[in-house]
Amino acid sequence: MNMNDGRDQLAWQAMKYDLMANYYKYIDPRLHVYYYQRHLECMQRLIMSERSEMGPGGSGGNTGMNAMVRVLHASPDAPAVDVYVNGQKVLGGISYKQQSNYLTVPAGTYKIDIYAAGDTSSPVLSQQVSVDGGNRYTVAAAGAVNNLQLIPVVDSSSVSSGSSKVRVWHLSPNAPAVDVAVKGGDVLFRNVPFGKATRYMTLPPTTADLEVRVAGTNQVVLEIPQATFKPNEAYTAVALGFAGGDPALEAMFLQP
């Protein structure tokens, strides 16, 4: 085993221990503490290994820092899936519209394989995803099952005191570019295509009726009644499902 293989193994052991610690957090405090300590041990060994390798030809920047990554199943016609990272299973049985907890990982580039749950014969998707230390990511498995792709976005939880903020993420495979507007009123986000996450918009805490329109028109394709934005909270409004199909187009709100 070379040095990179050893670091990869440590990284995914750390991720798995972090996942187990989160799982047992409210079920068994003793196991929660045990797995969390194992997670920290792996992270410390990993950081020490990376520092020992840094030199004139080594990596700088955010090397040694951690990223936080969660997975969102946003493919409306795909079955439940298992997620493998660098050949190791880290998440199992993730169903449509389900999101995982954040997993703590070192910065770097990872090979992600998506399999139908319980089937390791052939992945439905293999793709590399890079993450930078200090950032928090949501990685969506999106698109129709015959054109699946991983789409990462950087999440942000920092909000101006007393305010809210929201962005829109278009993940409906067959919907055109859209505008998101106050019902019968002004457009808030314009011409958002599939896969795109807008910048966050800061707004006062409020409850409002919103609507999704075909971009540049008044044609409403989805209504979002009573969308509530609380103070000091950040939201991602995700459009997912099929326009005019089953499962239907809908909005789901995520928070970091």
Protein backbone atom coordinates (compact mmCIF):
# COMPACT_ATOMS: atom_id res chain seq x y z
CA MET A 1 0.00 0.00 0.00
CA ASN A 2 1.47 3.39 -0.98
CA MET A 3 1.13 6.63 1.00
CA ASN A 4 -1.88 7.88 -1.01
CA ASP A 5 -3.72 4.58 -0.52
CA GLY A 6 -3.10 4.84 3.22
CA ARG A 7 -4.45 8.39 3.34
CA ASP A 8 -7.53 7.40 1.33
CA GLN A 9 -8.23 4.56 3.73
CA LEU A 10 -7.83 6.85 6.75
CA ALA A 11 -10.10 9.46 5.16
CA TRP A 12 -12.93 7.04 4.61
CA GLN A 13 -12.53 5.39 7.96
CA ALA A 14 -12.90 8.88 9.44
CA MET A 15 -16.01 9.47 7.34
CA LYS A 16 -17.57 6.16 8.37
CA TYR A 17 -16.86 6.80 12.07
CA ASP A 18 -18.40 10.27 11.75
CA LEU A 19 -21.50 8.75 10.17
CA MET A 20 -21.79 6.17 12.96
CA ALA A 21 -21.31 8.86 15.62
CA ASN A 22 -24.17 10.87 14.12
CA TYR A 23 -26.35 7.77 13.91
CA TYR A 24 -25.93 6.92 17.60
CA LYS A 25 -26.05 10.52 18.84
CA TYR A 26 -29.58 10.23 20.22
CA ILE A 27 -29.79 6.44 20.46
CA ASP A 28 -26.77 5.35 22.48
CA PRO A 29 -24.54 8.11 23.94
CA ARG A 30 -21.81 5.60 24.78
CA LEU A 31 -21.50 4.46 21.18
CA HIS A 32 -21.76 8.04 19.99
CA VAL A 33 -18.71 9.00 22.06
CA TYR A 34 -16.83 5.86 21.03
CA TYR A 35 -17.28 6.44 17.27
CA TYR A 36 -16.63 10.16 17.59
CA GLN A 37 -13.31 9.46 19.31
CA ARG A 38 -12.37 6.99 16.58
CA HIS A 39 -13.27 9.66 13.99
CA LEU A 40 -10.98 12.18 15.69
CA GLU A 41 -8.14 9.67 15.90
CA CYS A 42 -8.35 9.00 12.16
CA MET A 43 -8.48 12.72 11.37
CA GLN A 44 -5.43 13.45 13.51
CA ARG A 45 -3.45 10.65 11.85
CA LEU A 46 -4.54 11.87 8.43
CA ILE A 47 -3.51 15.47 9.08
CA MET A 48 -0.14 14.38 10.44
CA SER A 49 0.39 12.22 7.34
CA GLU A 50 -0.46 15.09 5.00
CA ARG A 51 1.80 17.54 6.83
CA SER A 52 4.72 15.11 6.64
CA GLU A 53 4.27 14.93 2.86
CA MET A 54 4.06 18.70 2.24
CA GLY A 55 7.14 20.17 0.64
CA PRO A 56 8.18 22.19 -2.41
CA GLY A 57 6.14 19.89 -4.65
CA GLY A 58 3.35 19.27 -2.18
CA SER A 59 -0.09 20.82 -1.90
CA GLY A 60 -0.63 24.13 -0.17
CA GLY A 61 -3.76 26.18 0.29
CA ASN A 62 -6.39 24.31 2.26
CA THR A 63 -4.54 20.99 2.55
CA GLY A 64 -5.13 19.56 6.02
CA MET A 65 -8.46 21.37 6.41
CA ASN A 66 -11.72 19.48 6.37
CA ALA A 67 -14.81 19.87 4.24
CA MET A 68 -18.34 18.80 5.14
CA VAL A 69 -20.33 16.94 2.50
CA ARG A 70 -23.88 15.60 2.35
CA VAL A 71 -25.68 13.79 -0.46
CA LEU A 72 -29.16 14.57 -1.83
CA HIS A 73 -31.04 12.03 -3.97
CA ALA A 74 -32.77 14.28 -6.51
CA SER A 75 -33.34 11.90 -9.44
CA PRO A 76 -37.13 11.41 -9.67
CA ASP A 77 -37.06 8.08 -11.54
CA ALA A 78 -34.00 6.52 -9.90
CA PRO A 79 -34.34 3.81 -7.23
CA ALA A 80 -32.83 4.04 -3.75
CA VAL A 81 -29.05 4.13 -4.04
CA ASP A 82 -25.85 3.23 -2.23
CA VAL A 83 -22.94 5.65 -2.37
CA TYR A 84 -19.33 4.47 -2.60
CA VAL A 85 -16.38 6.84 -2.29
CA ASN A 86 -12.96 5.67 -3.50
CA GLY A 87 -14.35 2.14 -3.54
CA GLN A 88 -15.75 2.15 0.00
CA LYS A 89 -19.45 2.23 0.84
CA VAL A 90 -20.30 5.27 2.94
CA LEU A 91 -24.08 5.64 2.53
CA GLY A 92 -26.76 3.03 1.93
CA GLY A 93 -30.38 3.05 0.81
CA ILE A 94 -30.73 6.78 0.06
CA SER A 95 -34.18 7.30 -1.49
CA TYR A 96 -35.58 10.05 -3.71
CA LYS A 97 -35.77 13.39 -1.84
CA GLN A 98 -33.72 11.98 1.05
CA GLN A 99 -30.58 13.77 2.18
CA SER A 100 -27.77 12.36 4.29
CA ASN A 101 -26.16 14.01 7.28
CA TYR A 102 -23.03 16.01 6.62
CA LEU A 103 -19.89 13.87 6.59
CA THR A 104 -16.53 15.35 7.54
CA VAL A 105 -13.82 14.68 4.93
CA PRO A 106 -10.37 16.05 4.12
CA ALA A 107 -10.12 18.43 1.18
CA GLY A 108 -9.39 16.67 -2.09
CA THR A 109 -10.81 14.93 -5.14
CA TYR A 110 -12.84 11.76 -4.70
CA LYS A 111 -14.23 9.12 -7.03
CA ILE A 112 -17.91 8.62 -6.27
CA ASP A 113 -19.82 5.58 -7.52
CA ILE A 114 -23.61 5.39 -7.28
CA TYR A 115 -25.23 1.93 -7.30
CA ALA A 116 -28.84 0.85 -7.09
CA ALA A 117 -29.26 -0.10 -3.43
CA GLY A 118 -27.88 -3.58 -2.77
CA ASP A 119 -26.52 -4.04 -6.30
CA THR A 120 -22.76 -3.77 -6.83
CA SER A 121 -22.65 -5.31 -10.30
CA SER A 122 -22.44 -2.02 -12.18
CA PRO A 123 -22.67 1.60 -10.99
CA VAL A 124 -25.38 3.80 -12.47
CA LEU A 125 -22.93 6.70 -12.18
CA SER A 126 -19.21 7.19 -11.60
CA GLN A 127 -17.88 10.71 -11.25
CA GLN A 128 -15.09 12.62 -9.54
CA VAL A 129 -15.98 15.44 -7.15
CA SER A 130 -13.52 17.92 -5.62
CA VAL A 131 -14.08 19.64 -2.29
CA ASP A 132 -12.11 22.47 -0.67
CA GLY A 133 -11.25 22.60 3.02
CA GLY A 134 -13.39 24.90 5.12
CA ASN A 135 -16.45 24.57 2.85
CA ARG A 136 -19.76 22.79 3.34
CA TYR A 137 -21.28 21.03 0.31
CA THR A 138 -24.49 19.41 -0.82
CA VAL A 139 -23.88 16.97 -3.69
CA ALA A 140 -27.07 16.14 -5.60
CA ALA A 141 -27.51 12.98 -7.64
CA ALA A 142 -29.74 14.64 -10.22
CA GLY A 143 -31.24 14.14 -13.66
CA ALA A 144 -33.26 11.29 -15.06
CA VAL A 145 -31.82 7.87 -14.25
CA ASN A 146 -30.55 7.42 -17.83
CA ASN A 147 -28.66 10.73 -17.61
CA LEU A 148 -27.66 10.88 -13.97
CA GLN A 149 -25.00 13.33 -12.78
CA LEU A 150 -23.55 14.64 -9.54
CA ILE A 151 -24.01 18.37 -9.00
CA PRO A 152 -22.19 19.90 -6.02
CA VAL A 153 -23.00 23.29 -4.50
CA VAL A 154 -21.38 25.15 -1.63
CA ASP A 155 -23.73 25.74 1.31
CA SER A 156 -23.64 28.75 3.61
CA SER A 157 -25.18 29.11 7.05
CA SER A 158 -23.94 32.64 7.86
CA VAL A 159 -26.81 35.14 7.96
CA SER A 160 -26.92 38.80 8.91
CA SER A 161 -28.38 39.10 12.41
CA GLY A 162 -32.18 39.18 12.33
CA SER A 163 -32.37 38.44 8.60
CA SER A 164 -33.05 35.36 6.47
CA LYS A 165 -31.49 34.31 3.21
CA VAL A 166 -32.63 31.98 0.44
CA ARG A 167 -31.43 30.68 -2.90
CA VAL A 168 -32.99 28.52 -5.63
CA TRP A 169 -31.54 25.26 -7.00
CA HIS A 170 -33.12 23.92 -10.20
CA LEU A 171 -32.96 20.11 -10.23
CA SER A 172 -36.02 19.17 -12.31
CA PRO A 173 -34.66 17.19 -15.29
CA ASN A 174 -37.29 18.15 -17.86
CA ALA A 175 -38.32 21.61 -16.70
CA PRO A 176 -37.16 24.63 -18.71
CA ALA A 177 -35.27 27.53 -17.20
CA VAL A 178 -37.49 29.21 -14.61
CA ASP A 179 -38.17 32.45 -12.79
CA VAL A 180 -39.18 32.39 -9.13
CA ALA A 181 -41.49 35.21 -8.07
CA VAL A 182 -43.82 36.43 -5.40
CA LYS A 183 -47.29 35.18 -6.38
CA GLY A 184 -48.69 37.64 -8.90
CA GLY A 185 -45.78 39.97 -8.23
CA ASP A 186 -42.09 40.68 -8.70
CA VAL A 187 -39.52 38.16 -9.87
CA LEU A 188 -36.93 37.27 -7.21
CA PHE A 189 -34.72 34.90 -9.22
CA ARG A 190 -34.51 35.06 -13.03
CA ASN A 191 -33.75 32.50 -15.71
CA VAL A 192 -32.48 29.65 -13.54
CA PRO A 193 -31.53 26.61 -15.71
CA PHE A 194 -31.31 22.97 -14.72
CA GLY A 195 -28.42 22.27 -12.35
CA LYS A 196 -27.92 25.92 -11.41
CA ALA A 197 -28.02 27.19 -7.84
CA THR A 198 -28.47 30.94 -7.58
CA ARG A 199 -26.69 33.21 -5.16
CA TYR A 200 -28.34 33.67 -1.80
CA MET A 201 -30.75 36.58 -1.44
CA THR A 202 -31.00 38.28 1.95
CA LEU A 203 -34.53 39.17 3.01
CA PRO A 204 -36.43 40.04 6.18
CA PRO A 205 -38.10 37.13 7.99
CA THR A 206 -41.44 36.57 6.31
CA THR A 207 -44.07 34.16 5.05
CA ALA A 208 -45.01 34.55 1.41
CA ASP A 209 -46.78 32.78 -1.42
CA LEU A 210 -44.31 32.11 -4.22
CA GLU A 211 -44.63 30.77 -7.75
CA VAL A 212 -42.31 29.22 -10.31
CA ARG A 213 -42.76 30.45 -13.88
CA VAL A 214 -41.31 29.51 -17.24
CA ALA A 215 -38.46 31.99 -17.57
CA GLY A 216 -39.45 35.29 -19.14
CA THR A 217 -43.19 34.52 -19.06
CA ASN A 218 -46.17 34.65 -16.72
CA GLN A 219 -46.81 30.89 -17.18
CA VAL A 220 -46.90 29.38 -13.69
CA VAL A 221 -45.64 25.80 -13.46
CA LEU A 222 -45.56 25.48 -9.67
CA GLU A 223 -47.08 27.29 -6.72
CA ILE A 224 -45.31 27.41 -3.35
CA PRO A 225 -47.84 28.60 -0.76
CA GLN A 226 -46.86 29.92 2.66
CA ALA A 227 -43.10 29.71 2.24
CA THR A 228 -41.74 30.70 5.66
CA PHE A 229 -38.31 32.22 6.22
CA LYS A 230 -37.27 32.55 9.86
CA PRO A 231 -34.71 35.00 11.28
CA ASN A 232 -31.06 33.92 11.29
CA GLU A 233 -31.78 30.98 9.00
CA ALA A 234 -30.51 30.08 5.50
CA TYR A 235 -32.61 28.15 2.98
CA THR A 236 -32.16 26.43 -0.37
CA ALA A 237 -35.40 26.05 -2.33
CA VAL A 238 -34.89 22.98 -4.53
CA ALA A 239 -37.14 22.41 -7.55
CA LEU A 240 -37.29 18.69 -8.28
CA GLY A 241 -39.56 16.12 -9.90
CA PHE A 242 -40.91 16.09 -13.46
CA ALA A 243 -42.77 18.99 -15.04
CA GLY A 244 -46.05 17.44 -16.15
CA GLY A 245 -44.94 13.97 -15.06
CA ASP A 246 -44.78 11.61 -12.11
CA PRO A 247 -43.44 12.30 -9.54
CA ALA A 248 -44.68 15.82 -10.02
CA LEU A 249 -42.68 19.02 -9.91
CA GLU A 250 -42.37 20.31 -6.34
CA ALA A 251 -40.27 22.50 -4.10
CA MET A 252 -38.29 21.20 -1.15
CA PHE A 253 -36.48 23.46 1.29
CA LEU A 254 -33.04 22.47 2.58
CA GLN A 255 -31.07 24.08 5.37
CA PRO A 256 -27.31 23.75 5.99
